[in-house]
Structure formats: C-alpha cells, structure tokens
Amino acid sequence: MIFVAAGFIVVSAVGRIIRPAPIDNLGPGLAISIAASVINGVVAVMLLRAGRRHNSPALVADGHHLWTDVVTSAGVVIGIGLVAATSWEVLDPVVALLVGANILVTGWRLLTGSIRGAHGRHPFRGAKRGTHRRSRRIHHRIGAIPRAPNSGGGPGLLR
C-alpha cells in the first residue's frame, strides 16, 4: 500500500512539473496537517522507543511507518512554504518527488526488514539468541533434544 501511495505522489508530481499550477485553498487544511504531524511525530517516537525496549519488530515498523507520514507532511508544508516565499510553483512538485522517493525507500526498508525477520534473521539478534538458548534448555530438560554421550545431562532421545 505504501508503494501505491508513493507512486501516486510521484506521478502527480511529474504532472505538476510538466504543467505547473497555482496552489489554492491552503488555510485550515495546512494548520490541521501541521497539528496532525506534531501528534504523529510524538507517537512515532514513542512507538520506536517501545519497540526497541521490548524487542518488538512490529512496533518498530509501525513507528517507522508513522515517521514516514510525518516526513511526508513536513515535505508538503516545506513545498507550500517555498512556493509562497518564491512564487516558483515548480518547487512544490519537486519537493513532492523527494517525499515520494523517501516513502519508497522507507517502504523498501520495512518490507525487506520484515522478510529478514520472517526468515530467521531477526533484527534484534540478542533477543533471538537468548530465546534460542532458553528454548534449548527447556527441550533438554524434557528430553526432546539428544545430548552428547559424555554431557552428563539427563535422558535424551538417543539414550
């Protein structure tokens, strides 16, 4: 879905570079966008911190996704501000292209990170090793994993 949104932004930006158009109806929409971005920024930071503290790739991914929304909104505000300050209407779609590129890069990182996580290359390696050791200890205690003949451990499947 994030790639579709980035695609729409890029296509729209290219169209506006080819045929620049004045920006209209800014007022309340811009104010709401700025307020929402501030709130989203605070929530994104909280999600990222909680995700790292609790070793949760899902929370980290949600934090990155929300942060991408903040950067997107900041790009919109910057583009509008540049157009208002310079009267160069082409600056808005140029900033939109940069925002679209940022969304594509962030989406790619989220996608590849989730694939790596699904295939056992967990981004929080320490948590994985600790979990693996605990799991092996439990399996040894119940005898589900064979022990080496001289390990001195309890009964295993091969004994």
N, C-alpha and C. Protein backbone atom coordinates (compact mmCIF):
# COMPACT_ATOMS: atom_id res chain seq x y z
N MET A 1 0.82 -1.19 0.00
CA MET A 1 0.00 0.00 0.00
C MET A 1 0.87 1.27 0.00
N ILE A 2 1.96 1.22 0.74
CA ILE A 2 2.83 2.39 0.81
C ILE A 2 3.46 2.68 -0.55
N PHE A 3 3.72 1.61 -1.33
CA PHE A 3 4.29 1.80 -2.67
C PHE A 3 3.26 2.44 -3.61
N VAL A 4 2.00 2.10 -3.44
CA VAL A 4 0.95 2.69 -4.26
C VAL A 4 0.84 4.19 -3.96
N ALA A 5 0.87 4.54 -2.67
CA ALA A 5 0.80 5.95 -2.28
C ALA A 5 1.99 6.72 -2.87
N ALA A 6 3.18 6.15 -2.76
CA ALA A 6 4.38 6.81 -3.31
C ALA A 6 4.25 6.96 -4.82
N GLY A 7 3.70 5.95 -5.48
CA GLY A 7 3.51 6.02 -6.93
C GLY A 7 2.58 7.15 -7.32
N PHE A 8 1.46 7.30 -6.59
CA PHE A 8 0.54 8.41 -6.87
C PHE A 8 1.22 9.76 -6.67
N ILE A 9 2.02 9.87 -5.61
CA ILE A 9 2.72 11.13 -5.34
C ILE A 9 3.68 11.45 -6.48
N VAL A 10 4.46 10.46 -6.91
CA VAL A 10 5.45 10.69 -7.97
C VAL A 10 4.75 11.04 -9.29
N VAL A 11 3.72 10.30 -9.65
CA VAL A 11 3.01 10.57 -10.91
C VAL A 11 2.39 11.97 -10.87
N SER A 12 1.77 12.31 -9.76
CA SER A 12 1.16 13.64 -9.63
C SER A 12 2.23 14.73 -9.69
N ALA A 13 3.38 14.50 -9.04
CA ALA A 13 4.45 15.49 -9.05
C ALA A 13 5.01 15.70 -10.46
N VAL A 14 5.21 14.62 -11.19
CA VAL A 14 5.72 14.74 -12.55
C VAL A 14 4.72 15.53 -13.41
N GLY A 15 3.45 15.26 -13.25
CA GLY A 15 2.42 16.00 -13.98
C GLY A 15 2.44 17.48 -13.65
N ARG A 16 2.68 17.81 -12.38
CA ARG A 16 2.72 19.22 -11.97
C ARG A 16 4.03 19.89 -12.37
N ILE A 17 5.09 19.12 -12.57
CA ILE A 17 6.33 19.71 -13.09
C ILE A 17 6.13 20.08 -14.56
N ILE A 18 5.47 19.19 -15.29
CA ILE A 18 5.21 19.44 -16.71
C ILE A 18 4.23 20.60 -16.89
N ARG A 19 3.17 20.63 -16.07
CA ARG A 19 2.16 21.69 -16.14
C ARG A 19 1.97 22.29 -14.74
N PRO A 20 2.85 23.24 -14.36
CA PRO A 20 2.72 23.86 -13.03
C PRO A 20 1.36 24.53 -12.86
N ALA A 21 0.86 24.45 -11.63
CA ALA A 21 -0.44 25.05 -11.32
C ALA A 21 -0.34 25.76 -9.97
N PRO A 22 -1.09 26.83 -9.81
CA PRO A 22 -1.05 27.54 -8.52
C PRO A 22 -1.66 26.68 -7.41
N ILE A 23 -1.15 26.87 -6.21
CA ILE A 23 -1.68 26.16 -5.04
C ILE A 23 -2.78 27.03 -4.46
N ASP A 24 -3.94 26.42 -4.18
CA ASP A 24 -5.04 27.20 -3.62
C ASP A 24 -5.66 26.47 -2.43
N ASN A 25 -6.52 27.17 -1.71
CA ASN A 25 -7.25 26.63 -0.55
C ASN A 25 -6.32 26.05 0.51
N LEU A 26 -5.40 26.85 1.01
CA LEU A 26 -4.44 26.34 1.99
C LEU A 26 -4.93 26.42 3.42
N GLY A 27 -5.29 27.55 3.90
CA GLY A 27 -5.69 27.89 5.26
C GLY A 27 -5.82 26.77 6.27
N PRO A 28 -7.04 26.38 6.59
CA PRO A 28 -7.27 25.41 7.67
C PRO A 28 -6.64 24.04 7.40
N GLY A 29 -6.61 23.62 6.16
CA GLY A 29 -6.01 22.32 5.83
C GLY A 29 -4.55 22.25 6.21
N LEU A 30 -3.83 23.32 5.97
CA LEU A 30 -2.41 23.36 6.31
C LEU A 30 -2.21 23.35 7.83
N ALA A 31 -3.05 24.07 8.55
CA ALA A 31 -2.96 24.10 10.02
C ALA A 31 -3.25 22.72 10.60
N ILE A 32 -4.26 22.06 10.08
CA ILE A 32 -4.60 20.71 10.55
C ILE A 32 -3.47 19.75 10.24
N SER A 33 -2.88 19.87 9.06
CA SER A 33 -1.76 19.00 8.68
C SER A 33 -0.58 19.16 9.63
N ILE A 34 -0.27 20.40 9.98
CA ILE A 34 0.85 20.66 10.89
C ILE A 34 0.56 20.08 12.27
N ALA A 35 -0.66 20.29 12.78
CA ALA A 35 -1.02 19.76 14.11
C ALA A 35 -0.98 18.23 14.11
N ALA A 36 -1.51 17.63 13.08
CA ALA A 36 -1.50 16.16 12.99
C ALA A 36 -0.08 15.63 12.90
N SER A 37 0.78 16.35 12.20
CA SER A 37 2.18 15.92 12.07
C SER A 37 2.90 15.94 13.41
N VAL A 38 2.63 16.95 14.20
CA VAL A 38 3.26 17.04 15.53
C VAL A 38 2.80 15.85 16.39
N ILE A 39 1.52 15.57 16.38
CA ILE A 39 0.99 14.45 17.16
C ILE A 39 1.57 13.13 16.64
N ASN A 40 1.57 12.94 15.32
CA ASN A 40 2.13 11.72 14.73
C ASN A 40 3.61 11.57 15.06
N GLY A 41 4.34 12.68 15.07
CA GLY A 41 5.77 12.64 15.41
C GLY A 41 6.00 12.14 16.83
N VAL A 42 5.20 12.64 17.76
CA VAL A 42 5.33 12.20 19.15
C VAL A 42 5.00 10.71 19.27
N VAL A 43 3.92 10.28 18.64
CA VAL A 43 3.53 8.87 18.70
C VAL A 43 4.58 7.99 18.01
N ALA A 44 5.14 8.45 16.89
CA ALA A 44 6.16 7.66 16.18
C ALA A 44 7.38 7.44 17.07
N VAL A 45 7.83 8.48 17.75
CA VAL A 45 8.99 8.35 18.64
C VAL A 45 8.67 7.39 19.78
N MET A 46 7.46 7.48 20.33
CA MET A 46 7.07 6.57 21.41
C MET A 46 7.05 5.12 20.92
N LEU A 47 6.52 4.88 19.71
CA LEU A 47 6.49 3.52 19.16
C LEU A 47 7.90 2.98 18.93
N LEU A 48 8.77 3.81 18.37
CA LEU A 48 10.15 3.37 18.11
C LEU A 48 10.86 3.02 19.41
N ARG A 49 10.71 3.86 20.42
CA ARG A 49 11.36 3.59 21.71
C ARG A 49 10.80 2.32 22.36
N ALA A 50 9.48 2.19 22.34
CA ALA A 50 8.86 1.00 22.94
C ALA A 50 9.26 -0.26 22.17
N GLY A 51 9.30 -0.16 20.86
CA GLY A 51 9.67 -1.32 20.04
C GLY A 51 11.08 -1.77 20.32
N ARG A 52 11.99 -0.84 20.47
CA ARG A 52 13.38 -1.21 20.76
C ARG A 52 13.52 -1.73 22.19
N ARG A 53 12.80 -1.10 23.12
CA ARG A 53 12.87 -1.54 24.52
C ARG A 53 12.31 -2.95 24.70
N HIS A 54 11.25 -3.26 23.98
CA HIS A 54 10.59 -4.57 24.13
C HIS A 54 10.97 -5.54 23.03
N ASN A 55 11.97 -5.18 22.21
CA ASN A 55 12.41 -6.04 21.10
C ASN A 55 11.25 -6.47 20.22
N SER A 56 10.44 -5.47 19.82
CA SER A 56 9.26 -5.75 19.01
C SER A 56 9.42 -5.16 17.60
N PRO A 57 9.73 -6.00 16.63
CA PRO A 57 9.84 -5.51 15.25
C PRO A 57 8.54 -4.87 14.76
N ALA A 58 7.40 -5.35 15.22
CA ALA A 58 6.11 -4.78 14.78
C ALA A 58 5.97 -3.33 15.24
N LEU A 59 6.33 -3.06 16.50
CA LEU A 59 6.24 -1.68 16.99
C LEU A 59 7.24 -0.78 16.28
N VAL A 60 8.44 -1.29 16.04
CA VAL A 60 9.45 -0.50 15.33
C VAL A 60 8.96 -0.18 13.91
N ALA A 61 8.40 -1.17 13.23
CA ALA A 61 7.89 -0.95 11.87
C ALA A 61 6.75 0.07 11.88
N ASP A 62 5.86 -0.03 12.87
CA ASP A 62 4.77 0.95 12.98
C ASP A 62 5.32 2.35 13.23
N GLY A 63 6.36 2.44 14.06
CA GLY A 63 6.98 3.73 14.32
C GLY A 63 7.60 4.32 13.07
N HIS A 64 8.30 3.47 12.29
CA HIS A 64 8.89 3.95 11.04
C HIS A 64 7.82 4.37 10.04
N HIS A 65 6.74 3.63 9.98
CA HIS A 65 5.64 3.96 9.07
C HIS A 65 5.05 5.32 9.45
N LEU A 66 4.79 5.52 10.73
CA LEU A 66 4.22 6.78 11.18
C LEU A 66 5.20 7.93 10.97
N TRP A 67 6.50 7.67 11.19
CA TRP A 67 7.50 8.71 10.96
C TRP A 67 7.54 9.11 9.48
N THR A 68 7.33 8.13 8.59
CA THR A 68 7.26 8.44 7.16
C THR A 68 6.10 9.39 6.89
N ASP A 69 4.98 9.19 7.57
CA ASP A 69 3.85 10.11 7.42
C ASP A 69 4.23 11.52 7.87
N VAL A 70 4.99 11.61 8.96
CA VAL A 70 5.44 12.92 9.47
C VAL A 70 6.33 13.60 8.43
N VAL A 71 7.28 12.84 7.88
CA VAL A 71 8.20 13.41 6.88
C VAL A 71 7.42 13.83 5.63
N THR A 72 6.43 13.05 5.25
CA THR A 72 5.59 13.40 4.11
C THR A 72 4.87 14.72 4.35
N SER A 73 4.27 14.85 5.52
CA SER A 73 3.57 16.09 5.84
C SER A 73 4.53 17.28 5.92
N ALA A 74 5.71 17.04 6.48
CA ALA A 74 6.71 18.11 6.53
C ALA A 74 7.11 18.53 5.11
N GLY A 75 7.24 17.57 4.22
CA GLY A 75 7.55 17.88 2.82
C GLY A 75 6.48 18.72 2.18
N VAL A 76 5.22 18.41 2.46
CA VAL A 76 4.12 19.20 1.92
C VAL A 76 4.20 20.64 2.43
N VAL A 77 4.41 20.79 3.73
CA VAL A 77 4.49 22.13 4.32
C VAL A 77 5.68 22.90 3.75
N ILE A 78 6.83 22.23 3.61
CA ILE A 78 8.02 22.89 3.05
C ILE A 78 7.77 23.31 1.61
N GLY A 79 7.18 22.42 0.83
CA GLY A 79 6.88 22.75 -0.56
C GLY A 79 5.96 23.95 -0.68
N ILE A 80 4.93 23.98 0.12
CA ILE A 80 3.99 25.11 0.09
C ILE A 80 4.69 26.39 0.56
N GLY A 81 5.52 26.26 1.60
CA GLY A 81 6.25 27.43 2.09
C GLY A 81 7.21 27.98 1.05
N LEU A 82 7.91 27.09 0.33
CA LEU A 82 8.83 27.54 -0.72
C LEU A 82 8.09 28.24 -1.86
N VAL A 83 6.95 27.71 -2.23
CA VAL A 83 6.16 28.33 -3.29
C VAL A 83 5.67 29.71 -2.83
N ALA A 84 5.19 29.79 -1.59
CA ALA A 84 4.71 31.06 -1.07
C ALA A 84 5.83 32.10 -1.00
N ALA A 85 7.04 31.67 -0.62
CA ALA A 85 8.16 32.60 -0.47
C ALA A 85 8.77 33.03 -1.79
N THR A 86 8.74 32.14 -2.80
CA THR A 86 9.46 32.44 -4.05
C THR A 86 8.54 32.63 -5.25
N SER A 87 7.30 32.22 -5.14
CA SER A 87 6.34 32.22 -6.26
C SER A 87 6.74 31.26 -7.38
N TRP A 88 7.67 30.36 -7.12
CA TRP A 88 8.07 29.35 -8.09
C TRP A 88 7.19 28.11 -7.87
N GLU A 89 6.18 27.97 -8.66
CA GLU A 89 5.22 26.89 -8.45
C GLU A 89 5.81 25.51 -8.70
N VAL A 90 6.93 25.44 -9.42
CA VAL A 90 7.55 24.15 -9.71
C VAL A 90 8.21 23.55 -8.47
N LEU A 91 8.47 24.36 -7.43
CA LEU A 91 9.13 23.83 -6.22
C LEU A 91 8.25 22.82 -5.48
N ASP A 92 6.95 23.05 -5.50
CA ASP A 92 6.05 22.12 -4.80
C ASP A 92 6.14 20.71 -5.36
N PRO A 93 6.04 20.50 -6.67
CA PRO A 93 6.17 19.13 -7.18
C PRO A 93 7.59 18.56 -7.03
N VAL A 94 8.61 19.42 -7.04
CA VAL A 94 9.97 18.91 -6.83
C VAL A 94 10.10 18.35 -5.42
N VAL A 95 9.56 19.08 -4.44
CA VAL A 95 9.57 18.58 -3.06
C VAL A 95 8.72 17.31 -2.98
N ALA A 96 7.61 17.26 -3.70
CA ALA A 96 6.77 16.05 -3.71
C ALA A 96 7.54 14.85 -4.24
N LEU A 97 8.37 15.06 -5.27
CA LEU A 97 9.21 13.96 -5.77
C LEU A 97 10.15 13.45 -4.68
N LEU A 98 10.74 14.37 -3.93
CA LEU A 98 11.63 13.96 -2.84
C LEU A 98 10.86 13.20 -1.76
N VAL A 99 9.67 13.66 -1.46
CA VAL A 99 8.83 12.97 -0.47
C VAL A 99 8.48 11.57 -0.99
N GLY A 100 8.10 11.47 -2.26
CA GLY A 100 7.77 10.16 -2.84
C GLY A 100 8.96 9.21 -2.79
N ALA A 101 10.15 9.74 -3.08
CA ALA A 101 11.37 8.91 -3.01
C ALA A 101 11.61 8.44 -1.58
N ASN A 102 11.39 9.32 -0.61
CA ASN A 102 11.56 8.93 0.80
C ASN A 102 10.58 7.83 1.19
N ILE A 103 9.36 7.94 0.73
CA ILE A 103 8.36 6.90 1.03
C ILE A 103 8.77 5.57 0.41
N LEU A 104 9.25 5.60 -0.84
CA LEU A 104 9.70 4.36 -1.48
C LEU A 104 10.86 3.72 -0.73
N VAL A 105 11.83 4.52 -0.32
CA VAL A 105 12.99 3.97 0.41
C VAL A 105 12.55 3.40 1.75
N THR A 106 11.72 4.14 2.48
CA THR A 106 11.26 3.65 3.78
C THR A 106 10.41 2.38 3.61
N GLY A 107 9.54 2.37 2.62
CA GLY A 107 8.73 1.18 2.36
C GLY A 107 9.58 -0.03 2.03
N TRP A 108 10.61 0.17 1.22
CA TRP A 108 11.52 -0.91 0.87
C TRP A 108 12.23 -1.45 2.11
N ARG A 109 12.70 -0.54 2.97
CA ARG A 109 13.37 -0.98 4.21
C ARG A 109 12.43 -1.75 5.11
N LEU A 110 11.19 -1.29 5.23
CA LEU A 110 10.21 -2.01 6.06
C LEU A 110 9.93 -3.39 5.48
N LEU A 111 9.77 -3.46 4.17
CA LEU A 111 9.48 -4.73 3.51
C LEU A 111 10.64 -5.71 3.68
N THR A 112 11.85 -5.28 3.36
CA THR A 112 12.99 -6.19 3.46
C THR A 112 13.27 -6.55 4.91
N GLY A 113 13.05 -5.62 5.84
CA GLY A 113 13.24 -5.93 7.26
C GLY A 113 12.26 -6.97 7.74
N SER A 114 11.02 -6.89 7.28
CA SER A 114 10.03 -7.89 7.71
C SER A 114 10.32 -9.25 7.08
N ILE A 115 10.83 -9.25 5.85
CA ILE A 115 11.18 -10.53 5.21
C ILE A 115 12.36 -11.18 5.95
N ARG A 116 13.37 -10.36 6.28
CA ARG A 116 14.50 -10.91 7.04
C ARG A 116 14.03 -11.48 8.37
N GLY A 117 13.13 -10.76 9.03
CA GLY A 117 12.61 -11.23 10.31
C GLY A 117 11.84 -12.53 10.17
N ALA A 118 11.10 -12.66 9.08
CA ALA A 118 10.31 -13.88 8.85
C ALA A 118 11.18 -15.08 8.53
N HIS A 119 12.39 -14.83 8.05
CA HIS A 119 13.28 -15.93 7.68
C HIS A 119 14.38 -16.17 8.70
N GLY A 120 14.15 -15.72 9.92
CA GLY A 120 15.07 -16.06 11.00
C GLY A 120 16.24 -15.12 11.19
N ARG A 121 16.38 -14.12 10.34
CA ARG A 121 17.45 -13.14 10.55
C ARG A 121 16.83 -11.94 11.23
N HIS A 122 16.51 -12.13 12.50
CA HIS A 122 15.81 -11.16 13.31
C HIS A 122 16.67 -9.93 13.52
N PRO A 123 16.09 -8.70 13.40
CA PRO A 123 16.90 -7.50 13.58
C PRO A 123 17.40 -7.31 14.99
N PHE A 124 16.78 -7.93 15.96
CA PHE A 124 17.22 -7.84 17.35
C PHE A 124 17.92 -9.14 17.71
N ARG A 125 19.14 -9.29 17.26
CA ARG A 125 19.87 -10.55 17.35
C ARG A 125 20.02 -11.06 18.78
N GLY A 126 20.26 -10.18 19.73
CA GLY A 126 20.44 -10.62 21.11
C GLY A 126 19.20 -11.30 21.65
N ALA A 127 18.04 -10.76 21.30
CA ALA A 127 16.79 -11.35 21.77
C ALA A 127 16.63 -12.75 21.17
N LYS A 128 17.00 -12.91 19.91
CA LYS A 128 16.85 -14.21 19.27
C LYS A 128 17.77 -15.25 19.92
N ARG A 129 19.04 -14.87 20.15
CA ARG A 129 19.96 -15.82 20.76
C ARG A 129 19.49 -16.21 22.15
N GLY A 130 19.04 -15.22 22.93
CA GLY A 130 18.57 -15.53 24.28
C GLY A 130 17.37 -16.45 24.25
N THR A 131 16.45 -16.19 23.35
CA THR A 131 15.27 -17.03 23.22
C THR A 131 15.67 -18.43 22.79
N HIS A 132 16.61 -18.53 21.85
CA HIS A 132 17.06 -19.83 21.37
C HIS A 132 17.71 -20.62 22.51
N ARG A 133 18.55 -19.99 23.31
CA ARG A 133 19.20 -20.69 24.44
C ARG A 133 18.16 -21.19 25.43
N ARG A 134 17.19 -20.33 25.77
CA ARG A 134 16.15 -20.75 26.72
C ARG A 134 15.37 -21.93 26.15
N SER A 135 15.06 -21.85 24.86
CA SER A 135 14.31 -22.92 24.22
C SER A 135 15.09 -24.23 24.27
N ARG A 136 16.39 -24.19 23.97
CA ARG A 136 17.20 -25.41 24.01
C ARG A 136 17.27 -25.98 25.42
N ARG A 137 17.41 -25.10 26.44
CA ARG A 137 17.45 -25.58 27.83
C ARG A 137 16.16 -26.31 28.19
N ILE A 138 15.04 -25.73 27.79
CA ILE A 138 13.75 -26.36 28.10
C ILE A 138 13.65 -27.70 27.38
N HIS A 139 14.05 -27.75 26.12
CA HIS A 139 13.98 -29.00 25.37
C HIS A 139 14.92 -30.05 25.96
N HIS A 140 16.09 -29.64 26.45
CA HIS A 140 16.99 -30.60 27.09
C HIS A 140 16.36 -31.16 28.36
N ARG A 141 15.72 -30.30 29.13
CA ARG A 141 15.11 -30.76 30.39
C ARG A 141 14.01 -31.78 30.17
N ILE A 142 13.26 -31.60 29.10
CA ILE A 142 12.18 -32.57 28.87
C ILE A 142 12.63 -33.74 28.00
N GLY A 143 13.91 -33.72 27.59
CA GLY A 143 14.45 -34.84 26.84
C GLY A 143 14.12 -34.83 25.36
N ALA A 144 13.72 -33.69 24.83
CA ALA A 144 13.34 -33.64 23.42
C ALA A 144 14.54 -33.46 22.50
N ILE A 145 15.68 -33.04 23.04
CA ILE A 145 16.88 -32.87 22.22
C ILE A 145 17.93 -33.84 22.75
N PRO A 146 18.50 -34.67 21.89
CA PRO A 146 19.52 -35.62 22.35
C PRO A 146 20.75 -34.89 22.87
N ARG A 147 21.34 -35.44 23.93
CA ARG A 147 22.57 -34.88 24.48
C ARG A 147 23.74 -35.73 24.03
N ALA A 148 24.90 -35.12 24.03
CA ALA A 148 26.12 -35.87 23.70
C ALA A 148 26.33 -36.93 24.76
N PRO A 149 26.93 -38.08 24.41
CA PRO A 149 27.09 -39.18 25.37
C PRO A 149 27.83 -38.78 26.65
N ASN A 150 28.78 -37.88 26.58
CA ASN A 150 29.55 -37.52 27.78
C ASN A 150 29.11 -36.19 28.37
N SER A 151 27.91 -35.73 28.07
CA SER A 151 27.50 -34.41 28.54
C SER A 151 27.08 -34.43 29.99
N GLY A 152 26.79 -35.61 30.54
CA GLY A 152 26.37 -35.70 31.93
C GLY A 152 24.96 -35.23 32.15
N GLY A 153 24.22 -34.97 31.09
CA GLY A 153 22.86 -34.47 31.21
C GLY A 153 21.87 -35.59 31.44
N GLY A 154 20.66 -35.21 31.50
CA GLY A 154 19.58 -36.17 31.74
C GLY A 154 19.32 -37.00 30.51
N PRO A 155 18.24 -37.75 30.54
CA PRO A 155 17.94 -38.66 29.44
C PRO A 155 17.64 -37.89 28.16
N GLY A 156 18.11 -38.41 27.07
CA GLY A 156 17.85 -37.82 25.76
C GLY A 156 17.19 -38.86 24.87
N LEU A 157 16.89 -38.47 23.65
CA LEU A 157 16.21 -39.39 22.75
C LEU A 157 17.11 -40.55 22.35
N LEU A 158 18.42 -40.35 22.34
CA LEU A 158 19.32 -41.41 21.89
C LEU A 158 19.82 -42.28 23.02
N ARG A 159 19.48 -42.02 24.24
CA ARG A 159 19.99 -42.83 25.35
C ARG A 159 19.07 -43.95 25.68
